[in-house]
Amino acid sequence: MAGTTGMAGTMGMAGTMGMAGTTGMAGSMGTGGSTGTGGTGGAMVDPRCVPLDGIVSWWHADGDFDDAVGSNDGTNGGAVSFVSGEDNQAFSMSGGSGSFVDVGNDASMMMTNAITLDAWINQATLGGRVIDKASANDGYMIDIVAGRLRMFINGTDQVLSGDVPAGMWVHVAGVFNGTGLGVYINGVLSAENDALNSSAIIANTNDVKIGDGGNVFVGMIDEPRIWNRALSADEINQLFWQGQNCH
């Protein structure tokens, strides 16, 4: 918070006029007011609100498609609008043609050894892709299938969690660390698989899309991010906390 402005000094009292006499003594001058004290400095940012290391791209969805961290600015597929979000504004997807954000195929988003994907979502009817750069046998994505959160790697390595709550803002995250993967709902591990048949993400040339990629998303997506490392369980929990407390 900004420091408080110091109180202005009080004005000195005017001197009294001398009593008339033969010559009349001059009245004494009043003393000057004291100087106000300076305001205190602004409070320090809570260290728990500092962004974690490893973000490649972060789209705030606050009225534009800009990448707040990297250079992967998105473009409107044609039918994305902005509505009130979990933090300020969010992407709104109707499920119609062009209702997605396309952020291109930059090499910075083609991780192979480890990756974390996260976002805040709000859907009345659950289903659709949240962040997608996947083909049948390569790439990665995080999506909702039959009301459940899934992390998808190379077409076969995937995890389905328990049901995702509908009709409210929910934080979802998927992590691949090169040996296993897991999915998190509201900062809590929901499911994991440590017996993958692949130790690396197979690269492809697909554009990264938010809200589509084969199975359209209907609802709102806010603060989607791509990370170049596998965040720990404690760090995922911190992301959830930040989303609620660091606006």
Protein backbone atom coordinates (compact mmCIF):
# COMPACT_ATOMS: atom_id res chain seq x y z
CA MET A 1 0.00 0.00 0.00
CA ALA A 2 1.17 3.57 -0.65
CA GLY A 3 2.64 5.37 2.32
CA THR A 4 0.42 7.88 4.18
CA THR A 5 1.02 11.51 3.45
CA GLY A 6 2.66 13.34 6.28
CA MET A 7 0.45 15.77 8.28
CA ALA A 8 0.96 19.36 7.37
CA GLY A 9 2.62 21.49 10.05
CA THR A 10 0.37 23.79 12.08
CA MET A 11 0.45 27.44 11.20
CA GLY A 12 2.02 29.75 13.76
CA MET A 13 -0.33 31.98 15.81
CA ALA A 14 -0.34 35.59 14.76
CA GLY A 15 1.50 37.90 17.15
CA THR A 16 -0.58 40.22 19.31
CA MET A 17 -0.50 43.86 18.48
CA GLY A 18 1.25 46.06 20.91
CA MET A 19 -0.87 48.30 23.15
CA ALA A 20 -1.11 51.84 22.00
CA GLY A 21 1.06 54.17 24.06
CA THR A 22 2.96 57.27 23.45
CA THR A 23 4.79 55.42 20.74
CA GLY A 24 3.11 52.07 21.01
CA MET A 25 5.19 48.89 21.30
CA ALA A 26 5.22 46.70 18.18
CA GLY A 27 3.43 43.41 18.59
CA SER A 28 5.65 40.33 18.71
CA MET A 29 5.70 38.06 15.66
CA GLY A 30 4.06 34.63 15.95
CA THR A 31 6.27 31.55 15.80
CA GLY A 32 6.36 29.54 12.57
CA GLY A 33 4.46 26.24 12.25
CA SER A 34 6.43 22.99 12.62
CA THR A 35 7.18 20.86 9.52
CA GLY A 36 4.92 17.81 8.99
CA THR A 37 6.45 14.35 9.23
CA GLY A 38 7.06 12.38 6.02
CA GLY A 39 4.80 9.46 5.01
CA THR A 40 6.01 5.90 5.50
CA GLY A 41 7.13 3.78 2.51
CA GLY A 42 4.86 1.30 0.70
CA ALA A 43 4.53 -2.21 2.11
CA MET A 44 6.65 -4.96 0.60
CA VAL A 45 5.05 -7.47 -1.78
CA ASP A 46 4.24 -10.79 -0.12
CA PRO A 47 7.07 -13.11 -1.27
CA ARG A 48 4.51 -15.87 -1.80
CA CYS A 49 3.07 -13.77 -4.66
CA VAL A 50 6.33 -13.65 -6.65
CA PRO A 51 5.95 -15.69 -9.88
CA LEU A 52 7.78 -19.02 -9.84
CA ASP A 53 10.67 -19.69 -12.19
CA GLY A 54 10.23 -21.46 -15.49
CA ILE A 55 7.26 -19.72 -17.13
CA VAL A 56 7.63 -19.74 -20.92
CA SER A 57 4.33 -18.07 -21.75
CA TRP A 58 1.51 -16.57 -19.69
CA TRP A 59 -1.67 -15.12 -21.16
CA HIS A 60 -3.57 -12.92 -18.68
CA ALA A 61 -6.58 -12.62 -21.04
CA ASP A 62 -7.17 -9.10 -19.79
CA GLY A 63 -8.72 -7.67 -22.93
CA ASP A 64 -5.97 -8.89 -25.25
CA PHE A 65 -4.10 -12.01 -26.40
CA ASP A 66 -0.62 -10.87 -25.36
CA ASP A 67 1.98 -13.13 -23.79
CA ALA A 68 2.91 -11.38 -20.54
CA VAL A 69 6.20 -13.29 -20.14
CA GLY A 70 7.50 -14.41 -23.54
CA SER A 71 6.95 -13.39 -27.15
CA ASN A 72 4.17 -15.87 -27.98
CA ASP A 73 1.31 -13.43 -28.42
CA GLY A 74 -1.91 -15.13 -29.46
CA THR A 75 -4.49 -14.32 -32.08
CA ASN A 76 -8.25 -14.63 -31.95
CA GLY A 77 -9.53 -17.63 -33.87
CA GLY A 78 -12.45 -15.32 -34.65
CA ALA A 79 -15.02 -15.92 -31.95
CA VAL A 80 -13.26 -15.38 -28.60
CA SER A 81 -14.53 -12.60 -26.35
CA PHE A 82 -13.56 -11.28 -22.92
CA VAL A 83 -15.63 -11.58 -19.75
CA SER A 84 -15.07 -11.17 -16.03
CA GLY A 85 -12.49 -13.75 -15.01
CA GLU A 86 -10.87 -15.30 -11.98
CA ASP A 87 -8.40 -12.41 -12.07
CA ASN A 88 -9.67 -9.36 -13.95
CA GLN A 89 -10.81 -10.75 -17.34
CA ALA A 90 -10.82 -14.16 -19.04
CA PHE A 91 -11.15 -15.72 -22.48
CA SER A 92 -14.74 -16.71 -23.21
CA MET A 93 -15.24 -19.62 -25.63
CA SER A 94 -18.68 -20.37 -27.08
CA GLY A 95 -17.74 -23.67 -28.70
CA GLY A 96 -18.53 -22.26 -32.11
CA SER A 97 -16.22 -22.07 -35.11
CA GLY A 98 -13.15 -19.97 -34.37
CA SER A 99 -13.74 -19.97 -30.62
CA PHE A 100 -10.10 -20.51 -29.62
CA VAL A 101 -6.81 -18.65 -29.18
CA ASP A 102 -3.95 -19.58 -31.51
CA VAL A 103 -0.47 -18.83 -30.15
CA GLY A 104 1.59 -20.34 -32.96
CA ASN A 105 4.38 -22.90 -33.11
CA ASP A 106 7.40 -21.26 -31.54
CA ALA A 107 10.27 -23.56 -30.52
CA SER A 108 10.11 -22.17 -26.98
CA MET A 109 6.83 -24.04 -26.44
CA MET A 110 8.08 -27.44 -27.67
CA MET A 111 9.49 -28.83 -24.46
CA THR A 112 10.66 -32.45 -24.56
CA ASN A 113 11.97 -33.47 -21.13
CA ALA A 114 9.60 -31.77 -18.71
CA ILE A 115 6.59 -29.47 -18.80
CA THR A 116 3.84 -28.00 -16.63
CA LEU A 117 0.53 -26.64 -17.94
CA ASP A 118 -1.94 -24.75 -15.78
CA ALA A 119 -4.98 -22.48 -16.02
CA TRP A 120 -8.15 -21.38 -14.27
CA ILE A 121 -11.31 -22.70 -15.94
CA ASN A 122 -15.04 -22.24 -15.47
CA GLN A 123 -17.52 -24.41 -17.41
CA ALA A 124 -21.22 -25.10 -17.05
CA THR A 125 -20.78 -28.31 -19.06
CA LEU A 126 -17.37 -29.91 -18.71
CA GLY A 127 -15.37 -30.93 -21.77
CA GLY A 128 -12.80 -29.70 -24.27
CA ARG A 129 -9.14 -28.81 -24.56
CA VAL A 130 -7.61 -26.21 -22.32
CA ILE A 131 -4.05 -26.01 -23.72
CA ASP A 132 -3.29 -28.15 -26.76
CA LYS A 133 -0.22 -29.02 -28.83
CA ALA A 134 -0.97 -32.69 -29.46
CA SER A 135 -1.42 -35.11 -32.30
CA ALA A 136 -2.38 -38.77 -32.15
CA ASN A 137 1.13 -39.92 -31.21
CA ASP A 138 3.08 -36.85 -30.11
CA GLY A 139 2.97 -33.53 -28.31
CA TYR A 140 1.13 -32.54 -25.16
CA MET A 141 -2.15 -31.14 -23.89
CA ILE A 142 -4.34 -30.70 -20.86
CA ASP A 143 -8.08 -31.14 -21.36
CA ILE A 144 -11.38 -32.23 -19.84
CA VAL A 145 -12.77 -35.62 -20.93
CA ALA A 146 -16.10 -36.90 -19.55
CA GLY A 147 -15.89 -34.33 -16.79
CA ARG A 148 -12.37 -35.34 -15.77
CA LEU A 149 -9.02 -33.60 -16.04
CA ARG A 150 -6.44 -35.24 -18.31
CA MET A 151 -2.74 -34.70 -19.01
CA PHE A 152 -1.90 -36.13 -22.43
CA ILE A 153 1.64 -36.92 -23.62
CA ASN A 154 2.59 -38.61 -26.92
CA GLY A 155 -0.88 -39.98 -27.55
CA THR A 156 -0.77 -42.84 -25.07
CA ASP A 157 0.61 -41.55 -21.78
CA GLN A 158 -2.26 -39.92 -19.96
CA VAL A 159 -3.88 -39.52 -16.58
CA LEU A 160 -7.54 -38.99 -15.78
CA SER A 161 -8.45 -37.51 -12.41
CA GLY A 162 -11.67 -37.35 -10.48
CA ASP A 163 -14.49 -35.10 -11.64
CA VAL A 164 -13.78 -31.39 -12.05
CA PRO A 165 -16.34 -29.12 -10.36
CA ALA A 166 -18.62 -27.32 -12.85
CA GLY A 167 -20.06 -23.83 -12.70
CA MET A 168 -17.21 -22.31 -10.69
CA TRP A 169 -13.60 -21.22 -11.09
CA VAL A 170 -11.25 -24.19 -10.74
CA HIS A 171 -7.46 -24.26 -10.97
CA VAL A 172 -6.19 -27.16 -13.09
CA ALA A 173 -2.60 -28.25 -13.72
CA GLY A 174 -0.77 -31.08 -15.44
CA VAL A 175 2.88 -31.99 -14.87
CA PHE A 176 5.27 -34.23 -16.86
CA ASN A 177 8.73 -34.73 -15.32
CA GLY A 178 10.30 -37.13 -17.82
CA THR A 179 9.47 -40.24 -15.79
CA GLY A 180 5.85 -39.71 -14.81
CA LEU A 181 2.98 -37.28 -14.84
CA GLY A 182 0.23 -36.03 -12.61
CA VAL A 183 -2.83 -33.80 -12.62
CA TYR A 184 -3.91 -31.34 -9.93
CA ILE A 185 -7.25 -29.74 -9.10
CA ASN A 186 -7.24 -26.63 -6.89
CA GLY A 187 -3.65 -27.28 -5.86
CA VAL A 188 -4.14 -30.90 -4.80
CA LEU A 189 -2.77 -33.96 -6.63
CA SER A 190 -5.75 -35.78 -8.12
CA ALA A 191 -4.06 -38.60 -10.05
CA GLU A 192 -0.60 -39.64 -11.19
CA ASN A 193 1.15 -42.22 -13.34
CA ASP A 194 4.79 -43.12 -12.70
CA ALA A 195 4.97 -45.97 -15.21
CA LEU A 196 5.15 -44.19 -18.56
CA ASN A 197 6.41 -45.85 -21.73
CA SER A 198 8.15 -42.66 -22.82
CA SER A 199 10.72 -40.42 -21.18
CA ALA A 200 10.40 -37.49 -23.58
CA ILE A 201 7.70 -35.54 -25.37
CA ILE A 202 7.78 -36.24 -29.11
CA ALA A 203 8.00 -32.95 -30.97
CA ASN A 204 5.50 -31.80 -33.60
CA THR A 205 4.85 -28.65 -35.61
CA ASN A 206 1.29 -28.01 -34.40
CA ASP A 207 0.27 -24.56 -33.23
CA VAL A 208 -0.45 -24.28 -29.53
CA LYS A 209 -4.14 -23.56 -29.05
CA ILE A 210 -6.11 -22.45 -26.02
CA GLY A 211 -9.67 -23.77 -26.06
CA ASP A 212 -9.48 -26.09 -29.07
CA GLY A 213 -7.36 -28.54 -31.00
CA GLY A 214 -9.95 -31.14 -31.85
CA ASN A 215 -12.38 -31.01 -28.94
CA VAL A 216 -13.72 -27.50 -28.38
CA PHE A 217 -13.95 -25.91 -24.93
CA VAL A 218 -17.17 -24.13 -23.93
CA GLY A 219 -16.73 -21.74 -21.05
CA MET A 220 -14.04 -19.47 -19.67
CA ILE A 221 -10.26 -19.89 -19.44
CA ASP A 222 -8.12 -17.48 -17.44
CA GLU A 223 -4.36 -17.15 -16.81
CA PRO A 224 -3.23 -20.17 -18.92
CA ARG A 225 0.53 -20.84 -18.65
CA ILE A 226 3.18 -23.10 -20.13
CA TRP A 227 6.28 -23.92 -18.06
CA ASN A 228 9.62 -25.43 -19.15
CA ARG A 229 9.98 -27.60 -16.07
CA ALA A 230 8.01 -29.93 -13.83
CA LEU A 231 6.68 -27.99 -10.86
CA SER A 232 6.58 -29.77 -7.52
CA ALA A 233 3.39 -30.53 -5.62
CA ASP A 234 4.16 -27.67 -3.22
CA GLU A 235 4.63 -25.28 -6.14
CA ILE A 236 1.33 -26.29 -7.74
CA ASN A 237 -0.36 -25.65 -4.40
CA GLN A 238 1.34 -22.23 -4.33
CA LEU A 239 -0.08 -21.42 -7.80
CA PHE A 240 -3.56 -22.12 -6.48
CA TRP A 241 -2.92 -19.93 -3.42
CA GLN A 242 -1.56 -17.12 -5.59
CA GLY A 243 -4.64 -17.19 -7.78
CA GLN A 244 -6.81 -16.54 -4.74
CA ASN A 245 -4.61 -14.07 -2.87
CA CYS A 246 -2.28 -12.18 -5.21
CA HIS A 247 -4.65 -10.26 -7.50
